[in-house]
Protein backbone atom coordinates (compact mmCIF):
# COMPACT_ATOMS: atom_id res chain seq x y z
CA MET A 1 -13.67 10.01 18.12
CA LEU A 2 -12.07 7.26 20.14
CA VAL A 3 -13.14 3.83 18.82
CA PHE A 4 -10.53 1.52 20.33
CA ALA A 5 -7.89 1.42 23.07
CA GLY A 6 -5.46 -1.27 24.13
CA PHE A 7 -2.04 -2.36 25.34
CA ILE A 8 0.17 -4.97 23.67
CA PRO A 9 3.83 -6.08 23.86
CA HIS A 10 6.53 -5.00 21.44
CA SER A 11 9.09 -7.79 21.74
CA PRO A 12 10.64 -8.86 18.42
CA LEU A 13 10.74 -12.39 19.87
CA LEU A 14 7.05 -12.57 18.93
CA MET A 15 8.00 -12.45 15.25
CA GLU A 16 8.46 -15.81 13.54
CA SER A 17 11.26 -14.47 11.35
CA VAL A 18 13.23 -13.50 14.46
CA ASN A 19 12.41 -16.34 16.84
CA THR A 20 11.62 -19.42 14.76
CA LYS A 21 12.68 -22.10 17.25
CA ARG A 22 10.99 -20.84 20.43
CA LEU A 23 7.98 -18.95 19.13
CA HIS A 24 5.61 -21.65 20.39
CA GLU A 25 6.49 -20.64 23.95
CA ALA A 26 4.44 -17.47 23.42
CA ASP A 27 1.32 -19.19 22.05
CA LYS A 28 -0.99 -17.50 24.58
CA THR A 29 0.25 -14.06 23.58
CA LEU A 30 0.04 -14.80 19.87
CA SER A 31 -3.53 -16.09 20.18
CA ALA A 32 -4.47 -13.00 22.18
CA LEU A 33 -2.89 -10.75 19.54
CA ASP A 34 -5.05 -12.43 16.91
CA ALA A 35 -8.16 -11.64 18.97
CA PHE A 36 -6.88 -8.09 19.54
CA ALA A 37 -6.46 -7.58 15.78
CA ASP A 38 -9.96 -8.88 15.15
CA GLU A 39 -11.43 -6.41 17.66
CA LEU A 40 -9.44 -3.55 16.16
CA PHE A 41 -10.66 -4.45 12.67
CA THR A 42 -14.25 -4.39 13.93
CA ALA A 43 -13.65 -0.85 15.28
CA ARG A 44 -12.74 0.36 11.74
CA PRO A 45 -10.18 3.01 12.70
CA ASP A 46 -9.00 5.62 10.23
CA THR A 47 -5.94 6.39 12.35
CA ILE A 48 -3.89 4.49 14.93
CA VAL A 49 -2.04 6.49 17.56
CA ILE A 50 0.79 4.19 18.65
CA LEU A 51 2.46 5.02 21.98
CA ALA A 52 5.88 3.38 21.85
CA GLU A 53 9.57 4.02 22.37
CA SER A 54 11.48 5.34 19.37
CA PRO A 55 15.03 6.23 18.26
CA THR A 56 14.30 9.89 19.02
CA MET A 57 13.33 10.35 22.66
CA TYR A 58 13.85 13.53 24.66
CA GLU A 59 14.47 14.28 28.30
CA ASP A 60 11.60 16.73 28.68
CA ALA A 61 9.39 16.57 25.59
CA PHE A 62 7.15 14.01 23.90
CA SER A 63 8.19 13.09 20.37
CA LEU A 64 5.70 13.17 17.47
CA ASN A 65 7.06 11.41 14.38
CA VAL A 66 6.12 13.00 11.03
CA ALA A 67 8.26 11.16 8.47
CA ASP A 68 6.48 10.06 5.30
CA PRO A 69 6.46 7.28 4.49
CA PHE A 70 7.38 5.26 7.55
CA THR A 71 9.30 2.07 6.81
CA ALA A 72 8.77 -0.70 9.34
CA ASP A 73 12.22 -2.05 10.19
CA LEU A 74 13.39 -5.22 11.96
CA SER A 75 16.99 -5.11 10.76
CA ALA A 76 18.25 -4.31 14.26
CA VAL A 77 16.92 -7.67 15.46
CA GLY A 78 18.17 -9.76 12.55
CA ASP A 79 15.34 -9.70 10.01
CA LEU A 80 16.70 -7.87 6.99
CA GLY A 81 13.82 -8.84 4.71
CA TYR A 82 10.85 -7.41 6.58
CA HIS A 83 9.32 -4.49 4.71
CA LYS A 84 6.09 -2.63 5.25
CA THR A 85 5.22 1.03 4.86
CA TYR A 86 2.78 3.29 6.67
CA HIS A 87 1.79 6.92 6.27
CA PRO A 88 1.22 9.51 9.00
CA ASP A 89 -1.94 11.41 9.75
CA PHE A 90 -0.43 14.85 9.17
CA GLY A 91 -3.60 16.74 10.03
CA PHE A 92 -3.96 15.07 13.41
CA ILE A 93 -0.26 15.49 14.26
CA ASP A 94 -0.38 19.18 13.37
CA SER A 95 -3.49 19.75 15.48
CA LEU A 96 -1.93 17.86 18.39
CA GLN A 97 1.35 19.76 18.40
CA ARG A 98 -0.45 23.11 18.16
CA PHE A 99 -2.91 22.26 20.94
CA ALA A 100 -0.13 20.86 23.15
CA ARG A 101 2.01 23.99 22.80
CA GLN A 102 -0.96 26.25 23.47
CA ASN A 103 -1.45 24.37 26.74
CA ASN A 104 2.26 24.32 27.67
CA VAL A 105 2.59 20.58 27.10
CA PRO A 106 6.14 19.86 25.87
CA VAL A 107 6.24 18.25 22.42
CA SER A 108 8.82 18.08 19.67
CA LEU A 109 8.58 16.83 16.09
CA SER A 110 10.91 14.13 14.77
CA THR A 111 11.41 12.58 11.33
CA ASP A 112 12.46 8.98 11.95
CA GLU A 113 11.72 7.31 8.63
CA HIS A 114 12.58 3.82 9.91
CA LEU A 115 10.20 2.62 12.59
CA PRO A 116 12.06 0.54 15.19
CA PHE A 117 10.88 -2.85 16.42
CA GLN A 118 9.13 -1.12 19.36
CA THR A 119 6.65 0.32 16.83
CA THR A 120 6.98 -2.20 13.99
CA VAL A 121 6.04 -5.26 16.07
CA PRO A 122 2.79 -3.91 17.57
CA LEU A 123 1.73 -2.43 14.23
CA HIS A 124 2.48 -5.74 12.52
CA PHE A 125 0.02 -7.57 14.75
CA ALA A 126 -2.55 -4.80 15.20
CA THR A 127 -2.96 -3.94 11.51
CA ARG A 128 -3.14 -7.52 10.27
CA HIS A 129 -6.61 -6.97 8.77
CA LEU A 130 -6.39 -3.23 8.09
CA LYS A 131 -5.46 -1.46 4.90
CA ASP A 132 -4.55 2.19 4.39
CA VAL A 133 -4.82 3.07 8.07
CA ARG A 134 -2.84 6.16 9.05
CA VAL A 135 -0.46 6.06 12.01
CA VAL A 136 0.70 8.61 14.58
CA PRO A 137 3.82 7.39 16.42
CA ILE A 138 4.30 9.11 19.77
CA ALA A 139 7.30 8.40 22.01
CA PRO A 140 7.54 8.94 25.77
CA CYS A 141 10.21 11.02 27.44
CA SER A 142 12.10 11.08 30.74
CA LEU A 143 9.43 12.99 32.67
CA ASP A 144 7.49 11.22 35.43
CA GLY A 145 4.28 9.23 35.24
CA LYS A 146 2.10 12.22 36.09
CA ALA A 147 3.52 14.16 33.12
CA HIS A 148 2.79 11.22 30.83
CA PHE A 149 -0.76 10.97 32.18
CA ALA A 150 -1.19 14.72 31.60
CA PHE A 151 0.05 14.34 28.03
CA GLY A 152 -2.49 11.57 27.52
CA ASN A 153 -5.20 13.95 28.76
CA THR A 154 -4.10 16.48 26.15
CA LEU A 155 -4.16 13.80 23.48
CA LYS A 156 -7.66 12.77 24.59
CA HIS A 157 -9.10 16.20 23.75
CA LEU A 158 -7.88 15.94 20.15
CA VAL A 159 -9.04 12.32 19.81
CA MET A 160 -12.52 13.02 21.14
CA ASP A 161 -12.95 16.15 19.02
CA SER A 162 -11.77 14.50 15.81
CA ASN A 163 -14.26 13.49 13.14
CA LYS A 164 -12.00 10.54 12.35
CA ARG A 165 -12.23 7.11 13.95
CA ILE A 166 -9.12 6.83 16.12
CA ALA A 167 -7.54 3.89 17.94
CA VAL A 168 -4.97 4.48 20.68
CA ILE A 169 -2.57 1.62 21.37
CA ALA A 170 0.16 1.63 24.01
CA SER A 171 2.96 -0.86 23.48
CA GLY A 172 5.75 -2.19 25.64
CA ASP A 173 6.98 -5.17 27.62
CA MET A 174 6.54 -5.52 31.35
CA SER A 175 9.18 -6.57 33.88
CA HIS A 176 12.48 -7.92 32.56
CA VAL A 177 13.48 -9.41 35.93
CA GLU A 178 12.42 -12.65 37.58
CA ASP A 179 10.59 -10.97 40.47
CA ALA A 180 6.88 -10.99 39.55
CA VAL A 181 5.76 -8.21 41.95
CA PHE A 182 5.76 -5.43 39.35
CA ASP A 183 3.82 -7.43 36.77
CA GLU A 184 1.27 -8.58 39.35
CA ARG A 185 0.61 -5.03 40.50
CA LEU A 186 0.50 -3.66 36.98
CA LEU A 187 -1.94 -6.35 35.85
CA THR A 188 -4.24 -5.50 38.76
CA ILE A 189 -4.02 -1.82 37.84
CA LEU A 190 -4.83 -2.60 34.21
CA ARG A 191 -7.79 -4.83 35.11
CA GLU A 192 -9.20 -2.17 37.44
CA HIS A 193 -8.29 0.72 35.12
CA ASN A 194 -6.81 2.29 38.25
CA ALA A 195 -5.02 5.47 37.17
CA SER A 196 -4.29 6.65 40.71
CA GLY A 197 -2.79 3.26 41.52
CA LEU A 198 -0.57 3.49 38.45
CA LEU A 199 0.68 6.97 39.34
CA GLN A 200 1.31 5.97 42.95
CA LEU A 201 3.47 2.95 42.15
CA ASP A 202 6.76 2.98 44.05
CA PRO A 203 9.43 4.55 41.77
CA ASP A 204 11.95 2.00 43.09
CA LEU A 205 9.64 -0.84 42.06
CA ILE A 206 9.31 0.65 38.57
CA ALA A 207 13.06 1.17 38.21
CA GLY A 208 13.83 -2.32 39.49
CA ALA A 209 11.48 -3.95 37.00
CA ILE A 210 13.47 -2.62 34.02
CA ASP A 211 10.20 -2.46 32.10
CA THR A 212 9.42 -0.69 28.82
CA SER A 213 5.71 -0.15 29.38
CA TYR A 214 4.99 2.11 32.38
CA ARG A 215 5.17 5.49 30.66
CA GLN A 216 3.13 4.37 27.64
CA ILE A 217 0.43 2.96 29.94
CA ALA A 218 0.38 6.26 31.83
CA MET A 219 -0.25 8.07 28.53
CA LEU A 220 -3.00 5.60 27.62
CA PHE A 221 -4.65 6.07 31.03
CA GLY A 222 -4.58 9.81 30.42
CA VAL A 223 -6.47 9.25 27.16
CA LEU A 224 -9.00 7.05 28.97
CA ASP A 225 -9.45 9.42 31.93
CA GLY A 226 -13.19 9.89 32.41
CA VAL A 227 -14.02 7.42 29.64
CA GLY A 228 -16.21 4.48 30.60
CA THR A 229 -14.25 1.29 29.89
CA THR A 230 -14.05 -2.35 30.88
CA ALA A 231 -10.54 -3.77 30.79
CA GLU A 232 -10.22 -7.24 29.30
CA VAL A 233 -6.85 -8.90 29.90
CA LEU A 234 -6.69 -11.29 26.95
CA SER A 235 -3.41 -12.87 28.05
CA TYR A 236 -0.35 -12.62 30.26
CA GLU A 237 2.77 -14.75 30.16
CA LYS A 238 6.52 -14.40 30.58
CA PRO A 239 8.16 -16.81 28.13
CA PHE A 240 11.42 -15.05 27.27
CA GLY A 241 12.31 -13.21 30.48
CA ALA A 242 9.92 -10.30 29.90
CA GLY A 243 6.25 -9.99 30.82
CA PHE A 244 3.83 -9.86 27.88
CA ALA A 245 0.25 -8.62 28.42
CA VAL A 246 -2.47 -8.12 25.82
CA VAL A 247 -5.26 -5.87 27.08
CA ASN A 248 -8.34 -4.57 25.30
CA PHE A 249 -10.18 -1.65 26.91
CA ILE A 250 -13.78 -2.13 25.85
CA LEU A 251 -15.34 1.31 25.38
């Protein structure tokens, strides 16, 4: 069953070990991430499905990571000492890949033992109060927003039918350019939980934003399709040249 859903940034600049001198510039985001972690802890998930970019991403298939254990890794962004391990939910991943293939949804399995910062950072903040939670890392692909929404719909069926308590978290940063139009529109879409608005965004606007969030949000909206939610935007700011939003979808 679905017990929690949300969207948070993945920037390594939110980590004190990476960004000691300027971390205070993201105080709003960090405070919101604390509140997000508290809400997730209250939901008591057994498994977290984390929708985030990964080293293995395909043109036309979604990537399900099944390495065991996963080692959270920040070495690519200068922190050689960070070390945390997670374990996958093999049963859920196996059910998902079988169900997806039966319904002609393109998926492929990967075995990336080292989780990149795109997954490490959101898990670091989200699991602050959780122990022994299983994780299911899922990466987007190069297909369009509608395909990502459809994948999310497929994922929803497995989540809702599971006897486990499952949280689904999309992670990414918003626009990496100074123009605020993309972030403003995306924030409105998130607040209104407006899936049609998301899928109808101008492709040129998306491409021009150089964001790392659109496809993951499309997957999350597919999971939440038909689910009664109230979106709570806990914070938004743009301290380091990229938009950071923390959003909790109250079920």
